[in-house]
C-alpha atoms as a PDB file:
ATOM      1  CA  MET A   1     -45.875   0.490   7.011  1.00  0.00           C
ATOM      2  CA  LEU A   2     -46.605  -1.926   9.904  1.00  0.00           C
ATOM      3  CA  THR A   3     -46.109  -0.269  13.408  1.00  0.00           C
ATOM      4  CA  VAL A   4     -46.643  -1.808  16.970  1.00  0.00           C
ATOM      5  CA  GLU A   5     -49.667   0.523  17.405  1.00  0.00           C
ATOM      6  CA  VAL A   6     -51.200  -0.871  14.218  1.00  0.00           C
ATOM      7  CA  LEU A   7     -50.427  -4.439  15.217  1.00  0.00           C
ATOM      8  CA  LYS A   8     -52.101  -3.935  18.740  1.00  0.00           C
ATOM      9  CA  LYS A   9     -55.164  -2.530  17.131  1.00  0.00           C
ATOM     10  CA  SER A  10     -55.332  -5.494  14.588  1.00  0.00           C
ATOM     11  CA  HIS A  11     -54.604  -7.979  17.480  1.00  0.00           C
ATOM     12  CA  LYS A  12     -57.561  -6.628  19.476  1.00  0.00           C
ATOM     13  CA  LYS A  13     -59.847  -6.939  16.416  1.00  0.00           C
ATOM     14  CA  LYS A  14     -58.557 -10.463  15.373  1.00  0.00           C
ATOM     15  CA  LYS A  15     -57.611 -12.141  18.620  1.00  0.00           C
ATOM     16  CA  HIS A  16     -60.891 -14.327  19.229  1.00  0.00           C
ATOM     17  CA  LEU A  17     -60.668 -15.693  15.426  1.00  0.00           C
ATOM     18  CA  ILE A  18     -56.792 -16.460  16.097  1.00  0.00           C
ATOM     19  CA  ARG A  19     -57.260 -18.107  19.205  1.00  0.00           C
ATOM     20  CA  LYS A  20     -60.293 -20.057  17.825  1.00  0.00           C
ATOM     21  CA  ARG A  21     -57.953 -21.284  15.168  1.00  0.00           C
ATOM     22  CA  LEU A  22     -55.353 -22.322  17.308  1.00  0.00           C
ATOM     23  CA  ALA A  23     -57.697 -24.335  19.234  1.00  0.00           C
ATOM     24  CA  GLU A  24     -59.085 -25.888  16.163  1.00  0.00           C
ATOM     25  CA  PHE A  25     -55.640 -27.010  15.310  1.00  0.00           C
ATOM     26  CA  ARG A  26     -55.222 -28.780  18.858  1.00  0.00           C
ATOM     27  CA  THR A  27     -58.530 -30.339  18.794  1.00  0.00           C
ATOM     28  CA  ALA A  28     -58.242 -31.779  15.132  1.00  0.00           C
ATOM     29  CA  ALA A  29     -54.799 -32.865  15.748  1.00  0.00           C
ATOM     30  CA  SER A  30     -55.794 -34.911  18.870  1.00  0.00           C
ATOM     31  CA  SER A  31     -57.980 -37.187  16.960  1.00  0.00           C
ATOM     32  CA  TYR A  32     -55.734 -37.818  13.792  1.00  0.00           C
ATOM     33  CA  ASN A  33     -54.897 -41.245  12.924  1.00  0.00           C
ATOM     34  CA  ASP A  34     -51.595 -42.070  11.082  1.00  0.00           C
ATOM     35  CA  ASN A  35     -52.742 -41.249   7.559  1.00  0.00           C
ATOM     36  CA  GLU A  36     -54.315 -37.997   8.742  1.00  0.00           C
ATOM     37  CA  THR A  37     -51.022 -37.025  10.433  1.00  0.00           C
ATOM     38  CA  PHE A  38     -49.167 -37.793   7.302  1.00  0.00           C
ATOM     39  CA  ASN A  39     -51.563 -35.962   5.415  1.00  0.00           C
ATOM     40  CA  GLU A  40     -50.903 -32.714   7.643  1.00  0.00           C
ATOM     41  CA  LEU A  41     -47.143 -33.247   6.918  1.00  0.00           C
ATOM     42  CA  VAL A  42     -47.713 -33.633   2.964  1.00  0.00           C
ATOM     43  CA  PHE A  43     -49.669 -30.322   3.318  1.00  0.00           C
ATOM     44  CA  CYS A  44     -46.512 -28.622   4.824  1.00  0.00           C
ATOM     45  CA  ILE A  45     -44.345 -30.176   2.063  1.00  0.00           C
ATOM     46  CA  LEU A  46     -46.760 -28.815  -0.565  1.00  0.00           C
ATOM     47  CA  ALA A  47     -47.302 -25.329   1.077  1.00  0.00           C
ATOM     48  CA  ALA A  48     -43.594 -24.724   1.035  1.00  0.00           C
ATOM     49  CA  GLY A  49     -42.631 -22.296  -2.079  1.00  0.00           C
ATOM     50  CA  THR A  50     -46.401 -21.901  -2.559  1.00  0.00           C
ATOM     51  CA  SER A  51     -49.167 -21.097  -0.357  1.00  0.00           C
ATOM     52  CA  ALA A  52     -51.147 -22.500   2.500  1.00  0.00           C
ATOM     53  CA  LYS A  53     -54.129 -22.274   0.139  1.00  0.00           C
ATOM     54  CA  MET A  54     -52.477 -24.196  -2.483  1.00  0.00           C
ATOM     55  CA  GLY A  55     -51.337 -26.845   0.131  1.00  0.00           C
ATOM     56  CA  ILE A  56     -54.816 -27.319   1.260  1.00  0.00           C
ATOM     57  CA  GLU A  57     -56.483 -27.633  -2.246  1.00  0.00           C
ATOM     58  CA  THR A  58     -53.768 -30.040  -3.380  1.00  0.00           C
ATOM     59  CA  VAL A  59     -53.884 -32.343  -0.460  1.00  0.00           C
ATOM     60  CA  GLU A  60     -57.657 -32.765  -0.889  1.00  0.00           C
ATOM     61  CA  LYS A  61     -57.121 -33.837  -4.606  1.00  0.00           C
ATOM     62  CA  ILE A  62     -54.494 -36.441  -3.939  1.00  0.00           C
ATOM     63  CA  LYS A  63     -55.054 -37.754  -0.401  1.00  0.00           C
ATOM     64  CA  ASP A  64     -56.842 -40.916  -2.053  1.00  0.00           C
ATOM     65  CA  VAL A  65     -53.215 -42.132  -3.457  1.00  0.00           C
ATOM     66  CA  LEU A  66     -51.006 -40.897  -0.557  1.00  0.00           C
ATOM     67  CA  PRO A  67     -50.977 -44.082   1.347  1.00  0.00           C
ATOM     68  CA  TYR A  68     -49.685 -46.240  -1.242  1.00  0.00           C
ATOM     69  CA  GLY A  69     -48.992 -44.354  -4.606  1.00  0.00           C
ATOM     70  CA  ASP A  70     -45.647 -44.522  -6.135  1.00  0.00           C
ATOM     71  CA  VAL A  71     -43.766 -41.446  -7.533  1.00  0.00           C
ATOM     72  CA  ARG A  72     -44.874 -41.907 -11.049  1.00  0.00           C
ATOM     73  CA  GLU A  73     -48.628 -42.136  -9.892  1.00  0.00           C
ATOM     74  CA  LEU A  74     -48.354 -39.293  -7.556  1.00  0.00           C
ATOM     75  CA  SER A  75     -46.324 -37.195  -9.988  1.00  0.00           C
ATOM     76  CA  GLN A  76     -49.301 -37.716 -12.601  1.00  0.00           C
ATOM     77  CA  LYS A  77     -51.991 -36.949 -10.162  1.00  0.00           C
ATOM     78  CA  LEU A  78     -50.076 -33.747  -9.053  1.00  0.00           C
ATOM     79  CA  LYS A  79     -49.437 -32.678 -12.881  1.00  0.00           C
ATOM     80  CA  GLY A  80     -51.878 -29.906 -13.897  1.00  0.00           C
ATOM     81  CA  ILE A  81     -52.974 -29.003 -10.291  1.00  0.00           C
ATOM     82  CA  TYR A  82     -49.436 -28.203  -8.681  1.00  0.00           C
ATOM     83  CA  ARG A  83     -46.296 -26.526 -10.107  1.00  0.00           C
ATOM     84  CA  PHE A  84     -43.380 -28.638  -8.589  1.00  0.00           C
ATOM     85  CA  TYR A  85     -45.186 -31.999  -9.198  1.00  0.00           C
ATOM     86  CA  ASN A  86     -42.150 -34.258  -9.989  1.00  0.00           C
ATOM     87  CA  ILE A  87     -39.960 -33.233  -7.016  1.00  0.00           C
ATOM     88  CA  ARG A  88     -42.720 -33.022  -4.523  1.00  0.00           C
ATOM     89  CA  ALA A  89     -43.904 -36.368  -5.519  1.00  0.00           C
ATOM     90  CA  GLU A  90     -40.402 -37.636  -4.796  1.00  0.00           C
ATOM     91  CA  TYR A  91     -40.370 -35.935  -1.461  1.00  0.00           C
ATOM     92  CA  ILE A  92     -43.700 -37.310  -0.410  1.00  0.00           C
ATOM     93  CA  VAL A  93     -43.018 -40.975  -1.333  1.00  0.00           C
ATOM     94  CA  HIS A  94     -39.609 -40.898   0.075  1.00  0.00           C
ATOM     95  CA  THR A  95     -40.683 -39.440   3.230  1.00  0.00           C
ATOM     96  CA  ARG A  96     -43.743 -41.918   3.421  1.00  0.00           C
ATOM     97  CA  ASP A  97     -41.397 -44.867   2.883  1.00  0.00           C
ATOM     98  CA  TYR A  98     -38.974 -43.659   5.511  1.00  0.00           C
ATOM     99  CA  LEU A  99     -41.745 -43.206   8.022  1.00  0.00           C
ATOM    100  CA  LEU A 100     -43.022 -46.798   7.292  1.00  0.00           C
ATOM    101  CA  ARG A 101     -39.587 -48.100   7.963  1.00  0.00           C
ATOM    102  CA  ALA A 102     -38.691 -45.981  11.095  1.00  0.00           C
ATOM    103  CA  CYS A 103     -41.908 -45.781  13.034  1.00  0.00           C
ATOM    104  CA  ASN A 104     -44.677 -47.820  11.005  1.00  0.00           C
ATOM    105  CA  MET A 105     -46.048 -44.454  10.091  1.00  0.00           C
ATOM    106  CA  LYS A 106     -46.817 -43.660  13.694  1.00  0.00           C
ATOM    107  CA  LEU A 107     -45.296 -40.075  13.450  1.00  0.00           C
ATOM    108  CA  LYS A 108     -47.649 -38.453  16.154  1.00  0.00           C
ATOM    109  CA  GLU A 109     -46.241 -41.101  18.637  1.00  0.00           C
ATOM    110  CA  GLN A 110     -42.750 -40.556  17.637  1.00  0.00           C
ATOM    111  CA  LEU A 111     -43.158 -36.783  18.060  1.00  0.00           C
ATOM    112  CA  ASN A 112     -44.731 -37.266  21.452  1.00  0.00           C
ATOM    113  CA  SER A 113     -41.944 -39.430  22.617  1.00  0.00           C
ATOM    114  CA  ILE A 114     -39.554 -36.460  22.260  1.00  0.00           C
ATOM    115  CA  ASN A 115     -39.561 -34.372  25.304  1.00  0.00           C
ATOM    116  CA  HIS A 116     -37.191 -31.673  24.316  1.00  0.00           C
ATOM    117  CA  HIS A 117     -38.923 -28.751  22.458  1.00  0.00           C
ATOM    118  CA  MET A 118     -35.943 -28.132  20.180  1.00  0.00           C
ATOM    119  CA  GLU A 119     -35.225 -31.662  19.414  1.00  0.00           C
ATOM    120  CA  ARG A 120     -38.908 -32.281  18.294  1.00  0.00           C
ATOM    121  CA  ARG A 121     -38.280 -29.614  15.381  1.00  0.00           C
ATOM    122  CA  ASP A 122     -34.835 -30.772  14.886  1.00  0.00           C
ATOM    123  CA  PHE A 123     -36.041 -34.473  14.240  1.00  0.00           C
ATOM    124  CA  LEU A 124     -38.429 -33.243  11.465  1.00  0.00           C
ATOM    125  CA  ALA A 125     -35.932 -30.679  10.029  1.00  0.00           C
ATOM    126  CA  LEU A 126     -32.675 -32.588  10.136  1.00  0.00           C
ATOM    127  CA  THR A 127     -33.659 -36.168   9.443  1.00  0.00           C
ATOM    128  CA  ARG A 128     -32.335 -36.409   5.741  1.00  0.00           C
ATOM    129  CA  ASP A 129     -35.093 -38.876   4.864  1.00  0.00           C
ATOM    130  CA  ILE A 130     -37.933 -36.612   5.910  1.00  0.00           C
ATOM    131  CA  ARG A 131     -37.755 -34.633   2.370  1.00  0.00           C
ATOM    132  CA  GLY A 132     -38.947 -31.145   1.901  1.00  0.00           C
ATOM    133  CA  ILE A 133     -39.278 -30.195   5.517  1.00  0.00           C
ATOM    134  CA  GLY A 134     -36.934 -27.500   6.720  1.00  0.00           C
ATOM    135  CA  TYR A 135     -37.237 -25.392   9.877  1.00  0.00           C
ATOM    136  CA  LYS A 136     -40.181 -23.357   8.669  1.00  0.00           C
ATOM    137  CA  GLU A 137     -42.183 -26.205   7.392  1.00  0.00           C
ATOM    138  CA  ALA A 138     -41.341 -28.411  10.666  1.00  0.00           C
ATOM    139  CA  SER A 139     -42.624 -25.235  12.735  1.00  0.00           C
ATOM    140  CA  HIS A 140     -45.693 -25.135  10.536  1.00  0.00           C
ATOM    141  CA  PHE A 141     -46.533 -28.869  11.030  1.00  0.00           C
ATOM    142  CA  LEU A 142     -45.920 -28.894  14.752  1.00  0.00           C
ATOM    143  CA  ARG A 143     -48.226 -25.814  15.169  1.00  0.00           C
ATOM    144  CA  ASN A 144     -50.985 -27.637  13.095  1.00  0.00           C
ATOM    145  CA  MET A 145     -50.338 -30.695  15.301  1.00  0.00           C
ATOM    146  CA  GLY A 146     -51.246 -28.654  18.291  1.00  0.00           C
ATOM    147  CA  TYR A 147     -47.618 -27.903  19.661  1.00  0.00           C
ATOM    148  CA  ARG A 148     -46.752 -24.414  20.909  1.00  0.00           C
ATOM    149  CA  GLY A 149     -43.762 -22.350  20.682  1.00  0.00           C
ATOM    150  CA  TYR A 150     -42.665 -22.741  17.131  1.00  0.00           C
ATOM    151  CA  SER A 151     -42.395 -19.716  14.993  1.00  0.00           C
ATOM    152  CA  ILE A 152     -43.344 -20.064  11.338  1.00  0.00           C
ATOM    153  CA  LEU A 153     -40.880 -17.738   9.825  1.00  0.00           C
ATOM    154  CA  ASP A 154     -42.366 -17.464   6.195  1.00  0.00           C
ATOM    155  CA  LYS A 155     -41.757 -14.486   3.955  1.00  0.00           C
ATOM    156  CA  HIS A 156     -45.048 -12.753   5.256  1.00  0.00           C
ATOM    157  CA  VAL A 157     -43.846 -12.845   8.853  1.00  0.00           C
ATOM    158  CA  ILE A 158     -40.337 -11.977   7.959  1.00  0.00           C
ATOM    159  CA  LYS A 159     -41.278  -8.995   6.138  1.00  0.00           C
ATOM    160  CA  CYS A 160     -43.601  -7.788   8.866  1.00  0.00           C
ATOM    161  CA  LEU A 161     -40.714  -8.434  11.404  1.00  0.00           C
ATOM    162  CA  HIS A 162     -38.527  -6.463   9.178  1.00  0.00           C
ATOM    163  CA  GLU A 163     -41.050  -3.458   8.969  1.00  0.00           C
ATOM    164  CA  LEU A 164     -41.410  -3.565  12.665  1.00  0.00           C
ATOM    165  CA  ASN A 165     -37.446  -3.189  12.858  1.00  0.00           C
ATOM    166  CA  VAL A 166     -37.295  -6.491  14.933  1.00  0.00           C
ATOM    167  CA  ILE A 167     -34.738  -7.858  12.295  1.00  0.00           C
ATOM    168  CA  ASP A 168     -32.304  -5.860   9.828  1.00  0.00           C
ATOM    169  CA  SER A 169     -33.291  -7.780   6.798  1.00  0.00           C
ATOM    170  CA  ASP A 170     -36.379  -9.217   4.946  1.00  0.00           C
ATOM    171  CA  LYS A 171     -34.398 -12.149   3.758  1.00  0.00           C
ATOM    172  CA  PRO A 172     -35.742 -15.636   5.013  1.00  0.00           C
ATOM    173  CA  PRO A 173     -33.339 -17.426   7.229  1.00  0.00           C
ATOM    174  CA  SER A 174     -31.461 -20.198   5.330  1.00  0.00           C
ATOM    175  CA  GLY A 175     -30.101 -22.252   8.203  1.00  0.00           C
ATOM    176  CA  ARG A 176     -30.867 -23.442  11.825  1.00  0.00           C
ATOM    177  CA  SER A 177     -28.750 -20.863  13.522  1.00  0.00           C
ATOM    178  CA  ARG A 178     -30.278 -17.917  11.590  1.00  0.00           C
ATOM    179  CA  TYR A 179     -33.781 -19.425  12.237  1.00  0.00           C
ATOM    180  CA  LEU A 180     -33.303 -19.748  15.846  1.00  0.00           C
ATOM    181  CA  GLU A 181     -31.875 -16.137  16.069  1.00  0.00           C
ATOM    182  CA  ILE A 182     -34.867 -14.614  14.332  1.00  0.00           C
ATOM    183  CA  GLU A 183     -37.245 -16.774  16.502  1.00  0.00           C
ATOM    184  CA  LYS A 184     -35.488 -15.555  19.739  1.00  0.00           C
ATOM    185  CA  LYS A 185     -35.890 -11.892  18.384  1.00  0.00           C
ATOM    186  CA  LEU A 186     -39.698 -12.505  17.705  1.00  0.00           C
ATOM    187  CA  THR A 187     -40.093 -13.990  21.178  1.00  0.00           C
ATOM    188  CA  ASP A 188     -38.301 -11.069  22.839  1.00  0.00           C
ATOM    189  CA  PHE A 189     -40.547  -8.676  20.728  1.00  0.00           C
ATOM    190  CA  CYS A 190     -43.515 -10.625  22.210  1.00  0.00           C
ATOM    191  CA  CYS A 191     -42.470 -10.429  25.736  1.00  0.00           C
ATOM    192  CA  TYR A 192     -41.811  -6.764  25.497  1.00  0.00           C
ATOM    193  CA  HIS A 193     -45.210  -5.911  23.867  1.00  0.00           C
ATOM    194  CA  ASN A 194     -47.357  -8.497  25.547  1.00  0.00           C
ATOM    195  CA  PHE A 195     -48.025 -10.504  22.625  1.00  0.00           C
ATOM    196  CA  ASP A 196     -48.518 -14.363  22.569  1.00  0.00           C
ATOM    197  CA  PRO A 197     -45.850 -15.856  20.234  1.00  0.00           C
ATOM    198  CA  ASP A 198     -48.226 -18.398  18.574  1.00  0.00           C
ATOM    199  CA  GLU A 199     -50.872 -15.658  18.158  1.00  0.00           C
ATOM    200  CA  LEU A 200     -48.489 -13.286  16.496  1.00  0.00           C
ATOM    201  CA  ASP A 201     -47.392 -15.790  14.089  1.00  0.00           C
ATOM    202  CA  LEU A 202     -51.047 -16.073  12.731  1.00  0.00           C
ATOM    203  CA  LEU A 203     -51.590 -12.309  13.290  1.00  0.00           C
ATOM    204  CA  LEU A 204     -48.402 -11.199  11.067  1.00  0.00           C
ATOM    205  CA  TRP A 205     -49.484 -13.713   8.441  1.00  0.00           C
ATOM    206  CA  SER A 206     -52.868 -12.476   8.279  1.00  0.00           C
ATOM    207  CA  GLU A 207     -51.662  -8.742   7.902  1.00  0.00           C
ATOM    208  CA  LYS A 208     -50.059  -9.665   4.790  1.00  0.00           C
ATOM    209  CA  THR A 209     -52.362 -12.188   3.308  1.00  0.00           C
ATOM    210  CA  GLY A 210     -55.744 -11.023   4.811  1.00  0.00           C
ATOM    211  CA  ASP A 211     -56.560 -14.800   5.802  1.00  0.00           C
ATOM    212  CA  ILE A 212     -56.129 -16.717   9.091  1.00  0.00           C
ATOM    213  CA  LEU A 213     -55.736 -20.164   7.689  1.00  0.00           C
ATOM    214  CA  LYS A 214     -53.840 -23.238   8.664  1.00  0.00           C
END
């Protein structure tokens, strides 16, 4: 069972790796071109419902067709290496075509033009034509793009928060209001126990997976 004392000991042991990883996100994203930014978004679409490791491996195998492949071509590329190959191919192509129309694929510039913290994530999570991206995935993408202050409330983090009695259920949030409610509780927990919220996300995730990935 995870306790605050166990978490503090774990943070002391892992904090240098966690801070290094967060710095790597910011450094990498600062040099991303439009295609690389889109690849990062695709990673988050593919990691949803699977794992970060699966998302990383799959993007590497399909990135050559991401800029131009149609649904059929992308689905065939995903088949055999990814479970949800049809629906994710549709999500990716629909989202790519929307971004081409809406901002000429300059997603990084679009995000940087949004000054309000919450509106930036709302844009990703609530725009109907950005498929496969909810609040968890939007938070994941923004963190990987170097933004701070977005909690990635995946099943591992939720289970940890439940074990720590921060929340009363280990059920992942299903809507915006519940997501923000849990995020606020995580932030309050961090303030009380002197954790950085961005570091805590990676720490909790590593407690359940053993890894500090993207």
